[in-house]
Structures are given as structure tokens and as C-alpha cells.
Amino acid sequence: MRITYVVRISVLLLLAGRVMAADVVRVNTFPNAKALPFYAGVQKGIFARHGLDVRMAFTENSETQRAGLAAGAFDIAHSAVDNAVALVEDARQDVVIVTGGDNGMNEFYTQPHIRKLTDLRGETLVVDAPNTAYALLAKKILLKEGLHEGRDYRVKPVGRGELRLKAMIDSRENSAAILNLPFTIQAEQIGFRSFGNPVKILGPYQAGGAFMMRSWAKANGALLERYIAAFVESLRWSLAPANREESVALLMDRLKLSNDIAERTLRALADPARGFTPDAAFDRQGFRNLLALRAEIEGGQPGAPEKYVDLSYYERAMKRLTK
């Protein structure tokens, strides 16, 4: 009897170990307000409940992130999906976009002495990377004012949002940048001048989303569906009114924000017009606009959206959440 009892305990422990083992997913993103679902999903155990061990890493700029994804340094990237298009078109990498997320949460900010956009003639625009996403939005906005890169203004790559804001704080010569949350709120408090949200100026735009190497997605389809479901659940938790205090505390702790800025940031994140897209849905018209903008500024002909996007993983993930 004792031997049988020991064997049964051993089997139970082995089974428990199997149940407790989680699939590792390496994720790379930017340390800004858009990372709130990750902060919440890890801390509240949402990813773990989906059988996932999500290991986060943060990038300083888009070029580093793109290179890391292509090199296999991580599995999934979350950032402006124009980076995925750049990987396909410029680096000839087979990358696929699987979710949406937001329209950028951006505002075009300048130094206080810039009273109209044409005052940027002879000035410096600071960007993350010069050939993708929000840099292209900024170039288009300035082009509408008759300003051409190289001839009328300089482009200076400095990296992610907090580094663009720091560059503007450190030197009056860094005259303008597109910033996102929470740096837009900080820029306003400093006294920088906002020329508005690029979406209001240029129209719908698909910005943030998840993308990865297509080979990884195909080899890990069920895992990817669980990951997307867990991310959407984490997003829902982050924006739920009942969790406001905890979400504000997470923003304060992870981004070193004051309570006032964290509160304002969360309100903006919860506004579908300027914050997260509900359930990380993909904006098809915004993506078509992205492709057209990229072709206009960078040259070439945009491919069909299906060349870059596969929403079947997202659709199956959403079905998991309704069961």
C-alpha cells in the first residue's frame, strides 16, 4: 500500500509540474504608456492563466527592434506596424502583422518659439528612425506646408519617445518631434507647442500592433492564439473602470510618473479616438493609408494589405475569449 501511495503522489506531482509549466514567449516593445497591458498582464497573472511565461524586453529605437526580430532575438514585436512593412520591403524579411492596437497616440510638438509649422524651415526634426512610422507622418505633415526634408529642414534620429522629448528639453535646436503618451502630457506641461494629432491632420492610421516572423507564427499557431487572447484580456483589464487605481499605480511605478500625469495618461488610453483601439482590433483603412503614405514618402508601390497581414490568428483568439 505504501509503495502504491508513493507512486500515486509521484504521478500527481509529475502531472502538476506539467500543468504548471508555461510556454515562454519573448516579447519586445517600447517602454511607454502602450506597454500598460504587459505590465498588468504579467503582474495580475493573466498571461500565466493562459499558460504563458511572457518575458519582456524594451527597445531604444525601431531599427534595433527590427534587427532583433530578424535575428531571432525575440519572438514577437509590439510597435508601429510600419516597421513590419519596412522589414518586408527593405530588409526582405517574411514578417506578418497579426493584431492592431492603436492609431499612434501621437501629437506633433515643437519648441515654443515655433508659432506655425513653416517656422520649422532651417530647423531640426527629431525622430525615432528616419525611414518608418511616425517619422513618415511628420514628413508628410511638413510636406503639406511646403517643407521638404533636406532642403528645408534636417532629420535627426534619436530613438524612442522619451529620448525625443529629452532631446527637445536638452537643446532648443531640436525643434520638433512627434510624441506619444505619456510624453505628450509631459511636453504640454513643459510648455512645448502642440500642432495636433496626426490622425486629425492626415486621416486614419494603423499604428501599434503585434508582428513576428511568419515562420514563427506558422510553427506556433495555437500558442500565438493564446498569446493574443491573453493580451486582449490584459488590455481589457487595464482599461476597466474597476481597475483604475491599480492601472494608475502601474503607470506611476513602471514609467516613473506623477499621479496627475498617470491619471491623465490612463484617461487618454481609454479614449478610443486617441488611445487603445478596443480589443486591439486592426484598422484596415488606416493600414491602407499607411501603405500609401510610405509609398509617397519612401518611394515604390505599396503591396496589397494581405502581403503583410494575417488576422486569422486574431480571429481565432477572440473566439477563445467568448468560450
Protein backbone atom coordinates (compact mmCIF):
# COMPACT_ATOMS: atom_id res chain seq x y z
CA MET A 1 0.00 0.00 0.00
CA ARG A 2 2.78 2.38 0.94
CA ILE A 3 4.54 1.81 -2.41
CA THR A 4 1.28 2.43 -4.26
CA TYR A 5 0.73 5.64 -2.25
CA VAL A 6 4.23 6.91 -3.06
CA VAL A 7 3.75 6.10 -6.74
CA ARG A 8 0.45 7.95 -6.80
CA ILE A 9 1.99 11.02 -5.16
CA SER A 10 4.86 10.94 -7.65
CA VAL A 11 2.44 10.78 -10.57
CA LEU A 12 0.38 13.64 -9.17
CA LEU A 13 3.47 15.76 -8.68
CA LEU A 14 4.59 14.98 -12.21
CA LEU A 15 1.18 15.93 -13.60
CA ALA A 16 1.14 19.12 -11.53
CA GLY A 17 4.53 20.01 -12.94
CA ARG A 18 3.20 19.54 -16.44
CA VAL A 19 0.19 21.73 -15.71
CA MET A 20 2.33 24.43 -14.14
CA ALA A 21 4.87 24.53 -16.97
CA ALA A 22 4.28 27.61 -19.13
CA ASP A 23 5.30 28.32 -22.70
CA VAL A 24 7.94 31.03 -22.93
CA VAL A 25 7.17 33.93 -25.27
CA ARG A 26 9.84 36.58 -25.78
CA VAL A 27 8.28 39.98 -26.45
CA ASN A 28 9.94 43.25 -27.44
CA THR A 29 8.25 46.64 -27.21
CA PHE A 30 8.75 50.27 -26.18
CA PRO A 31 8.65 51.41 -22.54
CA ASN A 32 5.79 53.89 -22.86
CA ALA A 33 2.13 54.02 -21.90
CA LYS A 34 1.23 51.48 -24.58
CA ALA A 35 3.03 48.84 -22.50
CA LEU A 36 0.34 49.02 -19.79
CA PRO A 37 -1.34 45.74 -20.87
CA PHE A 38 2.00 43.97 -20.47
CA TYR A 39 2.60 45.45 -17.03
CA ALA A 40 -0.90 44.37 -16.00
CA GLY A 41 -0.89 41.02 -17.77
CA VAL A 42 2.31 39.91 -16.06
CA GLN A 43 1.56 41.34 -12.60
CA LYS A 44 -2.05 40.13 -12.46
CA GLY A 45 -1.17 36.68 -13.79
CA ILE A 46 -3.32 36.99 -16.92
CA PHE A 47 -0.63 35.65 -19.25
CA ALA A 48 0.11 32.88 -16.76
CA ARG A 49 -3.54 31.80 -16.73
CA HIS A 50 -3.23 31.30 -20.47
CA GLY A 51 -0.19 29.08 -19.90
CA LEU A 52 2.33 31.72 -20.94
CA ASP A 53 5.60 32.92 -19.48
CA VAL A 54 5.90 36.31 -21.18
CA ARG A 55 9.43 37.69 -20.97
CA MET A 56 9.58 41.40 -21.75
CA ALA A 57 12.43 43.37 -23.26
CA PHE A 58 12.38 47.05 -24.19
CA THR A 59 13.99 48.68 -27.20
CA GLU A 60 15.59 52.09 -27.63
CA ASN A 61 14.57 52.51 -31.25
CA SER A 62 12.79 50.90 -34.17
CA GLU A 63 15.94 49.96 -36.06
CA THR A 64 17.22 47.92 -33.12
CA GLN A 65 13.85 46.25 -32.76
CA ARG A 66 13.63 45.35 -36.44
CA ALA A 67 17.15 43.93 -36.44
CA GLY A 68 16.43 41.92 -33.29
CA LEU A 69 13.29 40.36 -34.73
CA ALA A 70 15.06 39.39 -37.95
CA ALA A 71 17.93 37.87 -35.94
CA GLY A 72 15.61 35.79 -33.73
CA ALA A 73 16.46 37.68 -30.53
CA PHE A 74 12.77 37.56 -29.57
CA ASP A 75 9.51 36.11 -30.87
CA ILE A 76 7.00 38.96 -31.04
CA ALA A 77 7.40 42.69 -31.57
CA HIS A 78 4.85 45.27 -30.49
CA SER A 79 5.28 48.70 -32.08
CA ALA A 80 4.16 50.71 -35.08
CA VAL A 81 3.34 48.13 -37.73
CA ASP A 82 5.01 50.26 -40.40
CA ASN A 83 8.16 48.64 -39.00
CA ALA A 84 6.84 45.28 -40.21
CA VAL A 85 6.26 46.73 -43.67
CA ALA A 86 9.81 48.13 -43.64
CA LEU A 87 11.16 44.68 -42.73
CA VAL A 88 9.30 43.14 -45.66
CA GLU A 89 10.11 45.79 -48.25
CA ASP A 90 13.57 46.99 -47.21
CA ALA A 91 15.09 44.02 -45.39
CA ARG A 92 13.31 41.32 -47.43
CA GLN A 93 12.17 39.55 -44.25
CA ASP A 94 8.99 37.44 -44.22
CA VAL A 95 7.17 39.21 -41.38
CA VAL A 96 3.45 39.12 -40.63
CA ILE A 97 1.21 41.52 -38.69
CA VAL A 98 -1.43 39.77 -36.56
CA THR A 99 -3.16 42.49 -34.48
CA GLY A 100 -3.86 46.17 -34.36
CA GLY A 101 -3.61 48.22 -31.20
CA ASP A 102 -3.84 51.99 -31.64
CA ASN A 103 -3.52 54.88 -34.08
CA GLY A 104 -0.31 56.17 -32.52
CA MET A 105 -1.48 58.21 -29.51
CA ASN A 106 0.59 60.98 -31.08
CA GLU A 107 0.85 64.74 -31.17
CA PHE A 108 3.21 66.91 -33.20
CA TYR A 109 5.13 69.08 -30.72
CA THR A 110 7.55 71.93 -31.32
CA GLN A 111 9.65 74.31 -29.28
CA PRO A 112 7.68 77.34 -28.00
CA HIS A 113 9.31 79.71 -30.50
CA ILE A 114 7.75 77.81 -33.42
CA ARG A 115 4.42 79.59 -33.96
CA LYS A 116 3.48 77.97 -37.27
CA LEU A 117 4.81 74.87 -38.99
CA THR A 118 6.52 76.88 -41.70
CA ASP A 119 8.72 78.31 -38.93
CA LEU A 120 10.47 74.91 -39.00
CA ARG A 121 12.32 75.97 -42.13
CA GLY A 122 16.03 75.58 -41.34
CA GLU A 123 15.23 73.69 -38.10
CA THR A 124 15.69 70.09 -36.89
CA LEU A 125 13.03 67.39 -36.62
CA VAL A 126 13.94 64.64 -34.15
CA VAL A 127 12.64 61.14 -34.91
CA ASP A 128 12.92 57.54 -33.78
CA ALA A 129 14.22 56.12 -37.07
CA PRO A 130 14.23 58.28 -40.22
CA ASN A 131 12.51 55.86 -42.59
CA THR A 132 9.50 54.47 -40.76
CA ALA A 133 6.23 55.12 -38.95
CA TYR A 134 5.99 58.44 -37.12
CA ALA A 135 8.93 59.99 -38.96
CA LEU A 136 6.96 59.47 -42.17
CA LEU A 137 3.89 61.05 -40.58
CA ALA A 138 5.95 64.09 -39.57
CA LYS A 139 7.47 64.40 -43.03
CA LYS A 140 4.01 64.28 -44.62
CA ILE A 141 2.67 66.95 -42.27
CA LEU A 142 5.59 69.21 -43.15
CA LEU A 143 5.23 68.42 -46.84
CA LYS A 144 1.66 69.70 -46.66
CA GLU A 145 3.19 73.00 -45.51
CA GLY A 146 5.60 73.01 -48.44
CA LEU A 147 8.63 71.89 -46.41
CA HIS A 148 10.90 69.21 -47.87
CA GLU A 149 13.35 67.07 -45.92
CA GLY A 150 16.95 68.01 -46.60
CA ARG A 151 16.12 71.21 -48.42
CA ASP A 152 14.03 72.94 -45.76
CA TYR A 153 14.71 71.05 -42.51
CA ARG A 154 17.00 68.39 -41.05
CA VAL A 155 16.04 64.97 -39.65
CA LYS A 156 17.87 63.73 -36.57
CA PRO A 157 17.25 60.16 -35.32
CA VAL A 158 17.44 59.91 -31.52
CA GLY A 159 15.22 56.94 -30.64
CA ARG A 160 12.02 56.26 -28.74
CA GLY A 161 9.54 58.81 -27.39
CA GLU A 162 11.22 59.63 -24.10
CA LEU A 163 14.51 60.22 -25.94
CA ARG A 164 12.82 62.53 -28.43
CA LEU A 165 11.33 64.53 -25.58
CA LYS A 166 14.70 64.62 -23.81
CA ALA A 167 16.39 65.85 -26.99
CA MET A 168 13.92 68.74 -27.17
CA ILE A 169 14.43 69.54 -23.49
CA ASP A 170 18.22 69.41 -23.81
CA SER A 171 18.52 71.65 -26.86
CA ARG A 172 16.36 74.36 -28.40
CA GLU A 173 17.90 73.35 -31.73
CA ASN A 174 15.87 70.13 -31.64
CA SER A 175 12.79 71.97 -32.74
CA ALA A 176 10.08 69.39 -33.32
CA ALA A 177 9.04 65.78 -32.80
CA ILE A 178 6.05 63.51 -32.88
CA LEU A 179 5.49 62.28 -29.32
CA ASN A 180 3.15 59.71 -27.81
CA LEU A 181 1.78 59.02 -24.32
CA PRO A 182 2.79 59.89 -21.65
CA PHE A 183 5.36 62.18 -23.26
CA THR A 184 2.68 64.32 -24.91
CA ILE A 185 1.35 65.26 -21.47
CA GLN A 186 4.85 65.97 -20.17
CA ALA A 187 5.62 68.11 -23.24
CA GLU A 188 2.48 70.13 -22.63
CA GLN A 189 3.44 70.74 -19.00
CA ILE A 190 6.93 71.87 -20.04
CA GLY A 191 5.41 74.43 -22.38
CA PHE A 192 6.10 72.93 -25.79
CA ARG A 193 3.59 73.77 -28.52
CA SER A 194 1.22 71.15 -29.93
CA PHE A 195 0.13 71.25 -33.56
CA GLY A 196 -2.33 68.43 -33.02
CA ASN A 197 -2.86 64.76 -33.59
CA PRO A 198 -1.51 63.48 -36.94
CA VAL A 199 -4.67 61.41 -37.43
CA LYS A 200 -6.77 64.58 -37.38
CA ILE A 201 -4.36 66.15 -39.89
CA LEU A 202 -3.82 63.19 -42.23
CA GLY A 203 -6.68 60.77 -41.60
CA PRO A 204 -6.92 57.22 -40.18
CA TYR A 205 -3.63 55.47 -39.48
CA GLN A 206 -2.89 51.96 -38.23
CA ALA A 207 -0.02 52.39 -35.80
CA GLY A 208 0.64 49.97 -32.95
CA GLY A 209 0.26 46.23 -33.37
CA ALA A 210 1.93 42.84 -32.98
CA PHE A 211 4.10 41.27 -35.66
CA MET A 212 6.61 38.46 -35.95
CA MET A 213 8.42 36.27 -38.45
CA ARG A 214 5.81 34.39 -40.46
CA SER A 215 7.68 31.12 -39.93
CA TRP A 216 7.37 31.52 -36.14
CA ALA A 217 3.64 32.24 -36.42
CA LYS A 218 3.06 29.15 -38.57
CA ALA A 219 5.09 26.93 -36.24
CA ASN A 220 3.37 28.25 -33.10
CA GLY A 221 -0.19 28.91 -34.23
CA ALA A 222 -2.04 27.71 -31.13
CA LEU A 223 0.49 29.41 -28.86
CA LEU A 224 0.10 32.66 -30.77
CA GLU A 225 -3.68 32.50 -30.44
CA ARG A 226 -3.35 32.04 -26.66
CA TYR A 227 -0.93 34.96 -26.56
CA ILE A 228 -3.28 37.28 -28.45
CA ALA A 229 -6.20 36.23 -26.25
CA ALA A 230 -4.14 36.93 -23.13
CA PHE A 231 -3.01 40.30 -24.47
CA VAL A 232 -6.59 41.34 -25.25
CA GLU A 233 -7.71 40.19 -21.80
CA SER A 234 -4.85 42.20 -20.26
CA LEU A 235 -5.88 45.23 -22.31
CA ARG A 236 -9.46 44.92 -21.13
CA TRP A 237 -8.32 44.63 -17.52
CA SER A 238 -6.09 47.72 -17.87
CA LEU A 239 -8.95 49.91 -19.09
CA ALA A 240 -11.74 48.58 -16.86
CA PRO A 241 -13.05 51.36 -14.59
CA ALA A 242 -12.93 48.97 -11.62
CA ASN A 243 -9.15 48.67 -12.08
CA ARG A 244 -8.41 52.39 -12.49
CA GLU A 245 -6.43 52.79 -9.28
CA GLU A 246 -4.27 49.74 -9.97
CA SER A 247 -3.64 50.80 -13.57
CA VAL A 248 -2.66 54.29 -12.47
CA ALA A 249 -0.31 52.78 -9.89
CA LEU A 250 1.29 50.58 -12.56
CA LEU A 251 1.90 53.60 -14.81
CA MET A 252 3.37 55.55 -11.91
CA ASP A 253 5.67 52.69 -10.92
CA ARG A 254 6.84 51.50 -14.34
CA LEU A 255 7.13 54.88 -16.08
CA LYS A 256 8.04 56.96 -13.00
CA LEU A 257 5.10 59.30 -13.46
CA SER A 258 3.38 61.60 -11.01
CA ASN A 259 -0.16 60.67 -10.02
CA ASP A 260 -1.57 63.55 -12.08
CA ILE A 261 0.23 62.54 -15.29
CA ALA A 262 -0.60 58.86 -14.75
CA GLU A 263 -4.29 59.70 -14.26
CA ARG A 264 -4.36 61.83 -17.41
CA THR A 265 -2.47 59.15 -19.34
CA LEU A 266 -4.94 56.44 -18.37
CA ARG A 267 -7.90 58.61 -19.39
CA ALA A 268 -6.28 59.15 -22.79
CA LEU A 269 -5.50 55.43 -23.17
CA ALA A 270 -9.18 54.63 -22.55
CA ASP A 271 -10.38 57.07 -25.21
CA PRO A 272 -10.81 55.05 -28.45
CA ALA A 273 -10.29 58.19 -30.54
CA ARG A 274 -6.76 58.77 -29.26
CA GLY A 275 -5.87 55.75 -27.10
CA PHE A 276 -6.11 51.99 -27.44
CA THR A 277 -8.30 50.52 -30.14
CA PRO A 278 -10.86 48.30 -28.36
CA ASP A 279 -9.59 44.71 -28.18
CA ALA A 280 -6.53 45.58 -30.30
CA ALA A 281 -8.63 45.46 -33.46
CA PHE A 282 -6.93 46.15 -36.79
CA ASP A 283 -7.86 49.31 -38.74
CA ARG A 284 -7.92 48.24 -42.39
CA GLN A 285 -8.47 51.73 -43.77
CA GLY A 286 -5.75 53.07 -41.50
CA PHE A 287 -3.40 50.41 -42.84
CA ARG A 288 -4.19 51.26 -46.45
CA ASN A 289 -3.39 54.88 -45.61
CA LEU A 290 -0.13 53.75 -44.00
CA LEU A 291 0.89 51.91 -47.17
CA ALA A 292 0.03 54.87 -49.36
CA LEU A 293 1.95 57.26 -47.11
CA ARG A 294 5.00 55.01 -47.08
CA ALA A 295 4.98 54.77 -50.87
CA GLU A 296 4.64 58.54 -51.20
CA ILE A 297 7.47 59.41 -48.81
CA GLU A 298 9.82 56.48 -49.33
CA GLY A 299 9.03 55.70 -52.96
CA GLY A 300 7.92 52.49 -54.61
CA GLN A 301 4.49 50.92 -54.91
CA PRO A 302 2.58 49.65 -51.88
CA GLY A 303 1.74 45.98 -51.84
CA ALA A 304 -1.75 44.65 -51.13
CA PRO A 305 -2.53 44.60 -47.39
CA GLU A 306 -2.69 40.80 -47.49
CA LYS A 307 1.02 40.75 -48.26
CA TYR A 308 1.75 41.94 -44.72
CA VAL A 309 -1.28 40.99 -42.59
CA ASP A 310 -2.87 37.74 -41.41
CA LEU A 311 -5.75 38.31 -38.98
CA SER A 312 -6.79 34.66 -38.79
CA TYR A 313 -4.79 34.21 -35.57
CA TYR A 314 -6.57 37.20 -34.04
CA GLU A 315 -9.99 35.94 -35.12
CA ARG A 316 -9.39 32.53 -33.54
CA ALA A 317 -8.00 34.18 -30.39
CA MET A 318 -11.15 36.25 -30.00
CA LYS A 319 -13.25 33.09 -30.25
CA ARG A 320 -11.24 31.68 -27.34
CA LEU A 321 -12.35 34.65 -25.22
CA THR A 322 -16.02 34.02 -25.94
CA LYS A 323 -16.00 30.39 -24.84
